[in-house]
Amino acid sequence: MADETTNGAAAAADNTAAQGAQFTIQKIYLKDVSFEAPNAPAIFTEQNVQPQLNLNLSQSVTGLAQDVFEVVLSLTLTCTVGDKTAYLVEVKQAGIFGLQGFDAPTLDGMLGTYCPNVLFPYARQTISDLVQGGGFPPFYLQPINFEALYAEGLRRRAEQLQAEQQPPAGNA
């Protein structure tokens, strides 16, 4: 009987620890969207010119309440043919996330990697639908490694901080 009580207490302790950090998706929504084809219909007659695509990606995080955050993933896709813009798509895919019980570095990582990973498929589908609806060939945005982008951002911040802390050369 003592073993059952001990095991039960251990299970309860494990359950409490597991409940310490909680991640919830409260809402996913399209915050802003824009599609422009400024050179249509003339752009549809362009032939033998390889389109050039440029993707800009950013994200922002806003605290809404204690342990509740809005994460906005912004994607801007510009397609040019020669010197003319074929189309411009801007999507701001957003979500409200509950993150409770995480330490500061883990919370920062969750907001910088996990939340954008949740939002990205929605933004990708919206972009694909808008491009095809605009009369252009389907465009499929390739997956993005948010973990690598986050790691690169951390590395750059560390380098910048280190550069700011070093005394200027010649002031020895």
N, C-alpha and C. Protein backbone atom coordinates (compact mmCIF):
# COMPACT_ATOMS: atom_id res chain seq x y z
N MET A 1 0.82 -1.19 0.00
CA MET A 1 0.00 0.00 0.00
C MET A 1 0.86 1.25 0.00
N ALA A 2 2.00 1.18 0.71
CA ALA A 2 2.89 2.34 0.75
C ALA A 2 3.43 2.64 -0.64
N ASP A 3 3.71 1.59 -1.43
CA ASP A 3 4.20 1.81 -2.79
C ASP A 3 3.18 2.53 -3.64
N GLU A 4 1.92 2.21 -3.47
CA GLU A 4 0.87 2.85 -4.25
C GLU A 4 0.79 4.34 -3.91
N THR A 5 0.91 4.65 -2.62
CA THR A 5 0.84 6.04 -2.20
C THR A 5 2.03 6.81 -2.75
N THR A 6 3.22 6.21 -2.68
CA THR A 6 4.41 6.86 -3.20
C THR A 6 4.29 7.07 -4.70
N ASN A 7 3.88 6.02 -5.41
CA ASN A 7 3.72 6.14 -6.85
C ASN A 7 2.64 7.16 -7.20
N GLY A 8 1.58 7.18 -6.45
CA GLY A 8 0.51 8.16 -6.69
C GLY A 8 1.01 9.57 -6.46
N ALA A 9 1.80 9.77 -5.41
CA ALA A 9 2.35 11.09 -5.13
C ALA A 9 3.33 11.52 -6.22
N ALA A 10 4.13 10.55 -6.70
CA ALA A 10 5.07 10.87 -7.78
C ALA A 10 4.32 11.22 -9.05
N ALA A 11 3.26 10.49 -9.34
CA ALA A 11 2.46 10.79 -10.53
C ALA A 11 1.83 12.17 -10.42
N ALA A 12 1.34 12.51 -9.23
CA ALA A 12 0.74 13.83 -9.03
C ALA A 12 1.79 14.93 -9.20
N ALA A 13 3.00 14.70 -8.69
CA ALA A 13 4.08 15.68 -8.84
C ALA A 13 4.45 15.85 -10.30
N ASP A 14 4.53 14.73 -11.04
CA ASP A 14 4.84 14.80 -12.47
C ASP A 14 3.75 15.56 -13.21
N ASN A 15 2.51 15.32 -12.85
CA ASN A 15 1.38 15.99 -13.50
C ASN A 15 1.42 17.49 -13.23
N THR A 16 1.76 17.88 -11.99
CA THR A 16 1.86 19.30 -11.65
C THR A 16 2.98 19.95 -12.45
N ALA A 17 4.13 19.28 -12.57
CA ALA A 17 5.25 19.83 -13.34
C ALA A 17 4.88 19.96 -14.80
N ALA A 18 4.17 18.98 -15.33
CA ALA A 18 3.78 19.03 -16.73
C ALA A 18 2.80 20.17 -16.99
N GLN A 19 1.97 20.47 -15.97
CA GLN A 19 1.00 21.55 -16.13
C GLN A 19 1.62 22.92 -15.90
N GLY A 20 2.86 22.97 -15.42
CA GLY A 20 3.51 24.24 -15.14
C GLY A 20 3.65 25.11 -16.37
N ALA A 21 4.00 24.55 -17.49
CA ALA A 21 4.14 25.31 -18.73
C ALA A 21 3.00 24.90 -19.66
N GLN A 22 2.22 25.88 -20.07
CA GLN A 22 1.08 25.60 -20.93
C GLN A 22 1.09 26.54 -22.14
N PHE A 23 0.80 25.95 -23.29
CA PHE A 23 0.70 26.70 -24.55
C PHE A 23 -0.69 26.49 -25.10
N THR A 24 -1.38 27.58 -25.40
CA THR A 24 -2.72 27.46 -25.99
C THR A 24 -2.85 28.42 -27.16
N ILE A 25 -3.58 27.98 -28.16
CA ILE A 25 -3.93 28.84 -29.29
C ILE A 25 -5.35 29.33 -29.01
N GLN A 26 -5.49 30.64 -28.82
CA GLN A 26 -6.80 31.18 -28.51
C GLN A 26 -7.55 31.63 -29.77
N LYS A 27 -6.80 32.13 -30.75
CA LYS A 27 -7.45 32.62 -31.97
C LYS A 27 -6.40 32.75 -33.06
N ILE A 28 -6.76 32.38 -34.29
CA ILE A 28 -5.93 32.62 -35.46
C ILE A 28 -6.78 33.40 -36.44
N TYR A 29 -6.24 34.50 -36.95
CA TYR A 29 -7.05 35.36 -37.81
C TYR A 29 -6.17 36.11 -38.81
N LEU A 30 -6.80 36.55 -39.87
CA LEU A 30 -6.15 37.36 -40.89
C LEU A 30 -6.31 38.82 -40.48
N LYS A 31 -5.21 39.47 -40.14
CA LYS A 31 -5.25 40.84 -39.62
C LYS A 31 -5.29 41.87 -40.75
N ASP A 32 -4.54 41.60 -41.83
CA ASP A 32 -4.50 42.55 -42.95
C ASP A 32 -4.10 41.78 -44.20
N VAL A 33 -4.65 42.17 -45.33
CA VAL A 33 -4.31 41.52 -46.59
C VAL A 33 -4.45 42.53 -47.72
N SER A 34 -3.55 42.41 -48.69
CA SER A 34 -3.59 43.30 -49.85
C SER A 34 -3.05 42.55 -51.06
N PHE A 35 -3.72 42.72 -52.19
CA PHE A 35 -3.23 42.18 -53.45
C PHE A 35 -3.33 43.29 -54.48
N GLU A 36 -2.24 43.51 -55.20
CA GLU A 36 -2.21 44.52 -56.26
C GLU A 36 -1.58 43.91 -57.51
N ALA A 37 -2.19 44.21 -58.64
CA ALA A 37 -1.62 43.85 -59.95
C ALA A 37 -1.61 45.14 -60.76
N PRO A 38 -0.64 46.03 -60.47
CA PRO A 38 -0.68 47.38 -61.04
C PRO A 38 -0.52 47.44 -62.56
N ASN A 39 0.04 46.43 -63.16
CA ASN A 39 0.26 46.47 -64.61
C ASN A 39 -0.64 45.49 -65.37
N ALA A 40 -1.70 45.04 -64.72
CA ALA A 40 -2.67 44.18 -65.41
C ALA A 40 -3.58 45.07 -66.26
N PRO A 41 -4.01 44.68 -67.39
CA PRO A 41 -3.86 43.37 -68.01
C PRO A 41 -2.62 43.24 -68.90
N ALA A 42 -1.88 44.32 -69.11
CA ALA A 42 -0.73 44.28 -70.03
C ALA A 42 0.32 43.26 -69.58
N ILE A 43 0.46 43.06 -68.29
CA ILE A 43 1.49 42.15 -67.78
C ILE A 43 1.24 40.71 -68.22
N PHE A 44 -0.01 40.38 -68.50
CA PHE A 44 -0.35 39.02 -68.92
C PHE A 44 0.18 38.68 -70.31
N THR A 45 0.53 39.69 -71.08
CA THR A 45 1.03 39.45 -72.44
C THR A 45 2.55 39.33 -72.49
N GLU A 46 3.23 39.59 -71.37
CA GLU A 46 4.69 39.47 -71.32
C GLU A 46 5.08 38.01 -71.54
N GLN A 47 6.01 37.79 -72.44
CA GLN A 47 6.44 36.43 -72.73
C GLN A 47 7.96 36.35 -72.72
N ASN A 48 8.46 35.16 -72.45
CA ASN A 48 9.90 34.87 -72.47
C ASN A 48 10.70 35.73 -71.50
N VAL A 49 10.06 36.17 -70.44
CA VAL A 49 10.76 36.93 -69.41
C VAL A 49 10.56 36.17 -68.09
N GLN A 50 11.66 35.84 -67.45
CA GLN A 50 11.59 35.10 -66.19
C GLN A 50 11.15 36.04 -65.06
N PRO A 51 10.06 35.71 -64.38
CA PRO A 51 9.64 36.57 -63.26
C PRO A 51 10.64 36.49 -62.11
N GLN A 52 10.81 37.59 -61.43
CA GLN A 52 11.68 37.66 -60.25
C GLN A 52 10.79 37.83 -59.02
N LEU A 53 11.03 37.00 -58.01
CA LEU A 53 10.24 37.04 -56.79
C LEU A 53 11.09 37.53 -55.63
N ASN A 54 10.50 38.38 -54.80
CA ASN A 54 11.18 38.90 -53.62
C ASN A 54 10.22 38.75 -52.44
N LEU A 55 10.66 38.05 -51.40
CA LEU A 55 9.83 37.83 -50.22
C LEU A 55 10.46 38.54 -49.03
N ASN A 56 9.67 39.36 -48.36
CA ASN A 56 10.09 39.98 -47.11
C ASN A 56 9.24 39.40 -46.00
N LEU A 57 9.89 39.07 -44.91
CA LEU A 57 9.23 38.40 -43.79
C LEU A 57 9.58 39.14 -42.52
N SER A 58 8.58 39.35 -41.68
CA SER A 58 8.84 39.94 -40.37
C SER A 58 7.75 39.45 -39.41
N GLN A 59 8.01 39.69 -38.14
CA GLN A 59 7.00 39.34 -37.16
C GLN A 59 7.05 40.34 -36.02
N SER A 60 5.93 40.45 -35.35
CA SER A 60 5.87 41.30 -34.17
C SER A 60 5.10 40.58 -33.08
N VAL A 61 5.43 40.90 -31.84
CA VAL A 61 4.77 40.31 -30.69
C VAL A 61 4.29 41.43 -29.79
N THR A 62 3.03 41.34 -29.39
CA THR A 62 2.44 42.32 -28.49
C THR A 62 1.82 41.59 -27.31
N GLY A 63 2.14 42.02 -26.12
CA GLY A 63 1.51 41.46 -24.93
C GLY A 63 0.11 42.03 -24.79
N LEU A 64 -0.87 41.16 -24.64
CA LEU A 64 -2.26 41.62 -24.51
C LEU A 64 -2.73 41.60 -23.06
N ALA A 65 -2.27 40.62 -22.33
CA ALA A 65 -2.58 40.45 -20.91
C ALA A 65 -1.48 39.58 -20.34
N GLN A 66 -1.54 39.31 -19.05
CA GLN A 66 -0.53 38.44 -18.48
C GLN A 66 -0.62 37.07 -19.14
N ASP A 67 0.49 36.62 -19.70
CA ASP A 67 0.61 35.31 -20.35
C ASP A 67 -0.20 35.18 -21.64
N VAL A 68 -0.65 36.29 -22.21
CA VAL A 68 -1.40 36.28 -23.48
C VAL A 68 -0.72 37.23 -24.45
N PHE A 69 -0.42 36.72 -25.67
CA PHE A 69 0.35 37.49 -26.64
C PHE A 69 -0.31 37.41 -28.02
N GLU A 70 -0.23 38.52 -28.74
CA GLU A 70 -0.59 38.51 -30.15
C GLU A 70 0.71 38.44 -30.94
N VAL A 71 0.79 37.48 -31.84
CA VAL A 71 1.93 37.35 -32.73
C VAL A 71 1.41 37.61 -34.14
N VAL A 72 2.08 38.52 -34.85
CA VAL A 72 1.70 38.85 -36.22
C VAL A 72 2.86 38.50 -37.13
N LEU A 73 2.59 37.61 -38.09
CA LEU A 73 3.56 37.21 -39.09
C LEU A 73 3.22 37.98 -40.36
N SER A 74 4.15 38.83 -40.81
CA SER A 74 3.93 39.67 -41.99
C SER A 74 4.78 39.16 -43.14
N LEU A 75 4.13 38.92 -44.29
CA LEU A 75 4.82 38.47 -45.49
C LEU A 75 4.44 39.40 -46.63
N THR A 76 5.45 39.86 -47.37
CA THR A 76 5.23 40.68 -48.55
C THR A 76 5.95 40.01 -49.71
N LEU A 77 5.19 39.64 -50.72
CA LEU A 77 5.72 38.97 -51.90
C LEU A 77 5.55 39.90 -53.09
N THR A 78 6.67 40.22 -53.74
CA THR A 78 6.65 41.07 -54.93
C THR A 78 7.16 40.27 -56.11
N CYS A 79 6.38 40.26 -57.19
CA CYS A 79 6.78 39.58 -58.42
C CYS A 79 6.96 40.64 -59.50
N THR A 80 8.16 40.68 -60.07
CA THR A 80 8.42 41.61 -61.15
C THR A 80 8.76 40.84 -62.42
N VAL A 81 8.37 41.41 -63.53
CA VAL A 81 8.68 40.86 -64.85
C VAL A 81 9.38 41.99 -65.60
N GLY A 82 10.67 41.81 -65.81
CA GLY A 82 11.45 42.91 -66.38
C GLY A 82 11.50 44.02 -65.35
N ASP A 83 11.08 45.22 -65.76
CA ASP A 83 11.07 46.35 -64.83
C ASP A 83 9.66 46.68 -64.35
N LYS A 84 8.71 45.78 -64.61
CA LYS A 84 7.31 46.01 -64.23
C LYS A 84 6.91 45.09 -63.09
N THR A 85 6.11 45.62 -62.18
CA THR A 85 5.58 44.80 -61.10
C THR A 85 4.37 44.03 -61.61
N ALA A 86 4.47 42.71 -61.55
CA ALA A 86 3.34 41.87 -61.95
C ALA A 86 2.29 41.86 -60.84
N TYR A 87 2.74 41.56 -59.62
CA TYR A 87 1.83 41.60 -58.49
C TYR A 87 2.59 41.84 -57.19
N LEU A 88 1.84 42.29 -56.22
CA LEU A 88 2.35 42.56 -54.88
C LEU A 88 1.31 42.02 -53.91
N VAL A 89 1.74 41.11 -53.04
CA VAL A 89 0.85 40.51 -52.05
C VAL A 89 1.40 40.82 -50.67
N GLU A 90 0.54 41.33 -49.81
CA GLU A 90 0.91 41.57 -48.42
C GLU A 90 -0.10 40.86 -47.52
N VAL A 91 0.41 40.04 -46.63
CA VAL A 91 -0.44 39.30 -45.71
C VAL A 91 0.10 39.47 -44.30
N LYS A 92 -0.80 39.80 -43.38
CA LYS A 92 -0.47 39.81 -41.95
C LYS A 92 -1.38 38.79 -41.28
N GLN A 93 -0.77 37.63 -41.02
CA GLN A 93 -1.49 36.54 -40.36
C GLN A 93 -1.20 36.65 -38.87
N ALA A 94 -2.23 36.63 -38.06
CA ALA A 94 -2.05 36.85 -36.63
C ALA A 94 -2.66 35.73 -35.81
N GLY A 95 -2.21 35.66 -34.59
CA GLY A 95 -2.77 34.71 -33.64
C GLY A 95 -2.65 35.23 -32.23
N ILE A 96 -3.56 34.80 -31.40
CA ILE A 96 -3.49 35.10 -29.97
C ILE A 96 -3.14 33.80 -29.27
N PHE A 97 -2.06 33.85 -28.51
CA PHE A 97 -1.51 32.65 -27.89
C PHE A 97 -1.40 32.85 -26.38
N GLY A 98 -1.74 31.82 -25.65
CA GLY A 98 -1.53 31.80 -24.20
C GLY A 98 -0.27 31.01 -23.91
N LEU A 99 0.67 31.62 -23.23
CA LEU A 99 1.92 30.96 -22.85
C LEU A 99 2.13 31.21 -21.36
N GLN A 100 1.93 30.16 -20.60
CA GLN A 100 1.99 30.30 -19.15
C GLN A 100 3.02 29.34 -18.58
N GLY A 101 3.83 29.83 -17.63
CA GLY A 101 4.76 28.97 -16.92
C GLY A 101 6.09 28.75 -17.60
N PHE A 102 6.41 29.55 -18.62
CA PHE A 102 7.69 29.42 -19.31
C PHE A 102 8.68 30.42 -18.72
N ASP A 103 9.95 30.02 -18.61
CA ASP A 103 10.97 30.98 -18.19
C ASP A 103 11.21 31.94 -19.36
N ALA A 104 11.87 33.06 -19.11
CA ALA A 104 12.03 34.12 -20.11
C ALA A 104 12.69 33.65 -21.41
N PRO A 105 13.81 32.91 -21.37
CA PRO A 105 14.40 32.48 -22.65
C PRO A 105 13.50 31.53 -23.43
N THR A 106 12.82 30.63 -22.73
CA THR A 106 11.93 29.70 -23.42
C THR A 106 10.73 30.44 -23.99
N LEU A 107 10.18 31.39 -23.25
CA LEU A 107 9.06 32.19 -23.73
C LEU A 107 9.45 32.94 -25.00
N ASP A 108 10.63 33.55 -24.98
CA ASP A 108 11.12 34.27 -26.16
C ASP A 108 11.25 33.32 -27.36
N GLY A 109 11.77 32.13 -27.12
CA GLY A 109 11.91 31.15 -28.18
C GLY A 109 10.56 30.69 -28.72
N MET A 110 9.60 30.47 -27.84
CA MET A 110 8.26 30.05 -28.27
C MET A 110 7.61 31.13 -29.13
N LEU A 111 7.73 32.38 -28.71
CA LEU A 111 7.14 33.48 -29.46
C LEU A 111 7.87 33.71 -30.79
N GLY A 112 9.17 33.41 -30.82
CA GLY A 112 9.97 33.64 -32.01
C GLY A 112 10.00 32.50 -32.99
N THR A 113 9.63 31.29 -32.55
CA THR A 113 9.71 30.14 -33.45
C THR A 113 8.40 29.36 -33.54
N TYR A 114 7.88 28.95 -32.40
CA TYR A 114 6.72 28.07 -32.42
C TYR A 114 5.47 28.78 -32.93
N CYS A 115 5.22 29.99 -32.44
CA CYS A 115 4.03 30.73 -32.88
C CYS A 115 4.07 31.04 -34.38
N PRO A 116 5.19 31.53 -34.94
CA PRO A 116 5.23 31.73 -36.39
C PRO A 116 5.04 30.43 -37.18
N ASN A 117 5.55 29.32 -36.65
CA ASN A 117 5.34 28.03 -37.31
C ASN A 117 3.86 27.67 -37.35
N VAL A 118 3.10 28.04 -36.34
CA VAL A 118 1.66 27.79 -36.33
C VAL A 118 0.97 28.67 -37.37
N LEU A 119 1.39 29.92 -37.48
CA LEU A 119 0.73 30.89 -38.37
C LEU A 119 1.09 30.71 -39.85
N PHE A 120 2.30 30.23 -40.11
CA PHE A 120 2.80 30.20 -41.49
C PHE A 120 1.91 29.46 -42.48
N PRO A 121 1.40 28.27 -42.18
CA PRO A 121 0.56 27.59 -43.18
C PRO A 121 -0.67 28.40 -43.60
N TYR A 122 -1.24 29.15 -42.67
CA TYR A 122 -2.39 29.99 -43.00
C TYR A 122 -1.98 31.12 -43.95
N ALA A 123 -0.86 31.77 -43.66
CA ALA A 123 -0.36 32.85 -44.52
C ALA A 123 0.00 32.31 -45.90
N ARG A 124 0.64 31.15 -45.95
CA ARG A 124 1.04 30.54 -47.22
C ARG A 124 -0.19 30.25 -48.08
N GLN A 125 -1.25 29.73 -47.48
CA GLN A 125 -2.47 29.43 -48.23
C GLN A 125 -3.13 30.70 -48.74
N THR A 126 -3.15 31.74 -47.93
CA THR A 126 -3.74 33.01 -48.34
C THR A 126 -2.99 33.59 -49.52
N ILE A 127 -1.65 33.57 -49.47
CA ILE A 127 -0.85 34.09 -50.58
C ILE A 127 -1.12 33.28 -51.85
N SER A 128 -1.13 31.98 -51.73
CA SER A 128 -1.39 31.12 -52.89
C SER A 128 -2.75 31.43 -53.51
N ASP A 129 -3.77 31.55 -52.68
CA ASP A 129 -5.11 31.83 -53.18
C ASP A 129 -5.19 33.20 -53.86
N LEU A 130 -4.54 34.20 -53.27
CA LEU A 130 -4.58 35.55 -53.85
C LEU A 130 -3.87 35.61 -55.19
N VAL A 131 -2.70 34.98 -55.30
CA VAL A 131 -1.94 35.00 -56.55
C VAL A 131 -2.74 34.30 -57.65
N GLN A 132 -3.27 33.15 -57.33
CA GLN A 132 -4.03 32.41 -58.35
C GLN A 132 -5.33 33.14 -58.68
N GLY A 133 -5.98 33.72 -57.69
CA GLY A 133 -7.20 34.49 -57.93
C GLY A 133 -6.94 35.75 -58.76
N GLY A 134 -5.70 36.24 -58.72
CA GLY A 134 -5.33 37.42 -59.49
C GLY A 134 -5.01 37.09 -60.94
N GLY A 135 -5.15 35.81 -61.33
CA GLY A 135 -4.93 35.42 -62.71
C GLY A 135 -3.51 34.97 -63.03
N PHE A 136 -2.70 34.78 -62.01
CA PHE A 136 -1.32 34.37 -62.22
C PHE A 136 -1.17 32.88 -61.93
N PRO A 137 -0.09 32.28 -62.43
CA PRO A 137 0.14 30.86 -62.14
C PRO A 137 0.24 30.64 -60.63
N PRO A 138 -0.16 29.46 -60.16
CA PRO A 138 -0.09 29.20 -58.72
C PRO A 138 1.31 29.43 -58.18
N PHE A 139 1.39 29.95 -56.98
CA PHE A 139 2.66 30.16 -56.31
C PHE A 139 2.60 29.43 -54.97
N TYR A 140 3.58 28.58 -54.75
CA TYR A 140 3.63 27.82 -53.50
C TYR A 140 4.86 28.24 -52.72
N LEU A 141 4.63 28.94 -51.65
CA LEU A 141 5.71 29.41 -50.78
C LEU A 141 6.32 28.21 -50.07
N GLN A 142 7.64 28.09 -50.17
CA GLN A 142 8.34 26.96 -49.55
C GLN A 142 8.37 27.14 -48.03
N PRO A 143 8.50 26.05 -47.29
CA PRO A 143 8.56 26.14 -45.83
C PRO A 143 9.72 27.05 -45.38
N ILE A 144 9.53 27.66 -44.25
CA ILE A 144 10.53 28.55 -43.67
C ILE A 144 10.99 27.96 -42.35
N ASN A 145 12.29 27.95 -42.13
CA ASN A 145 12.87 27.43 -40.90
C ASN A 145 12.96 28.58 -39.88
N PHE A 146 11.91 28.73 -39.09
CA PHE A 146 11.88 29.82 -38.12
C PHE A 146 12.89 29.62 -37.01
N GLU A 147 13.24 28.37 -36.72
CA GLU A 147 14.26 28.11 -35.71
C GLU A 147 15.61 28.67 -36.15
N ALA A 148 15.96 28.48 -37.43
CA ALA A 148 17.23 29.01 -37.95
C ALA A 148 17.20 30.53 -37.97
N LEU A 149 16.08 31.12 -38.36
CA LEU A 149 15.97 32.59 -38.36
C LEU A 149 16.10 33.15 -36.95
N TYR A 150 15.48 32.49 -36.00
CA TYR A 150 15.56 32.91 -34.60
C TYR A 150 17.00 32.81 -34.09
N ALA A 151 17.66 31.70 -34.38
CA ALA A 151 19.05 31.51 -33.96
C ALA A 151 19.95 32.58 -34.58
N GLU A 152 19.72 32.91 -35.84
CA GLU A 152 20.50 33.96 -36.50
C GLU A 152 20.27 35.31 -35.83
N GLY A 153 19.02 35.59 -35.47
CA GLY A 153 18.71 36.84 -34.77
C GLY A 153 19.40 36.91 -33.42
N LEU A 154 19.43 35.80 -32.69
CA LEU A 154 20.14 35.76 -31.40
C LEU A 154 21.63 36.00 -31.59
N ARG A 155 22.20 35.38 -32.62
CA ARG A 155 23.63 35.54 -32.89
C ARG A 155 23.94 37.00 -33.21
N ARG A 156 23.11 37.62 -34.02
CA ARG A 156 23.33 39.04 -34.38
C ARG A 156 23.21 39.95 -33.17
N ARG A 157 22.21 39.68 -32.32
CA ARG A 157 22.06 40.49 -31.10
C ARG A 157 23.27 40.34 -30.20
N ALA A 158 23.80 39.13 -30.07
CA ALA A 158 24.97 38.90 -29.23
C ALA A 158 26.19 39.62 -29.79
N GLU A 159 26.36 39.57 -31.10
CA GLU A 159 27.49 40.28 -31.72
C GLU A 159 27.36 41.78 -31.55
N GLN A 160 26.15 42.31 -31.70
CA GLN A 160 25.93 43.74 -31.54
C GLN A 160 26.20 44.17 -30.10
N LEU A 161 25.73 43.38 -29.15
CA LEU A 161 25.96 43.68 -27.74
C LEU A 161 27.45 43.65 -27.41
N GLN A 162 28.15 42.67 -27.95
CA GLN A 162 29.59 42.55 -27.72
C GLN A 162 30.32 43.75 -28.33
N ALA A 163 29.92 44.17 -29.52
CA ALA A 163 30.55 45.32 -30.17
C ALA A 163 30.31 46.60 -29.39
N GLU A 164 29.13 46.73 -28.80
CA GLU A 164 28.81 47.94 -28.02
C GLU A 164 29.60 47.99 -26.72
N GLN A 165 29.96 46.83 -26.17
CA GLN A 165 30.66 46.77 -24.89
C GLN A 165 32.17 46.93 -25.03
N GLN A 166 32.71 46.75 -26.23
CA GLN A 166 34.16 46.89 -26.43
C GLN A 166 34.51 48.37 -26.53
N PRO A 167 35.58 48.79 -25.86
CA PRO A 167 35.99 50.19 -25.98
C PRO A 167 36.51 50.46 -27.39
N PRO A 168 36.33 51.69 -27.86
CA PRO A 168 36.83 52.02 -29.20
C PRO A 168 38.35 51.80 -29.31
N ALA A 169 38.81 51.39 -30.44
CA ALA A 169 40.24 51.16 -30.67
C ALA A 169 40.97 52.49 -30.54
N GLY A 170 42.14 52.45 -29.91
CA GLY A 170 42.95 53.65 -29.76
C GLY A 170 42.74 54.35 -28.43
N ASN A 171 41.78 53.90 -27.62
CA ASN A 171 41.55 54.49 -26.30
C ASN A 171 42.09 53.59 -25.21
N ALA A 172 43.30 53.09 -25.39
CA ALA A 172 43.86 52.18 -24.38
C ALA A 172 44.61 52.91 -23.34
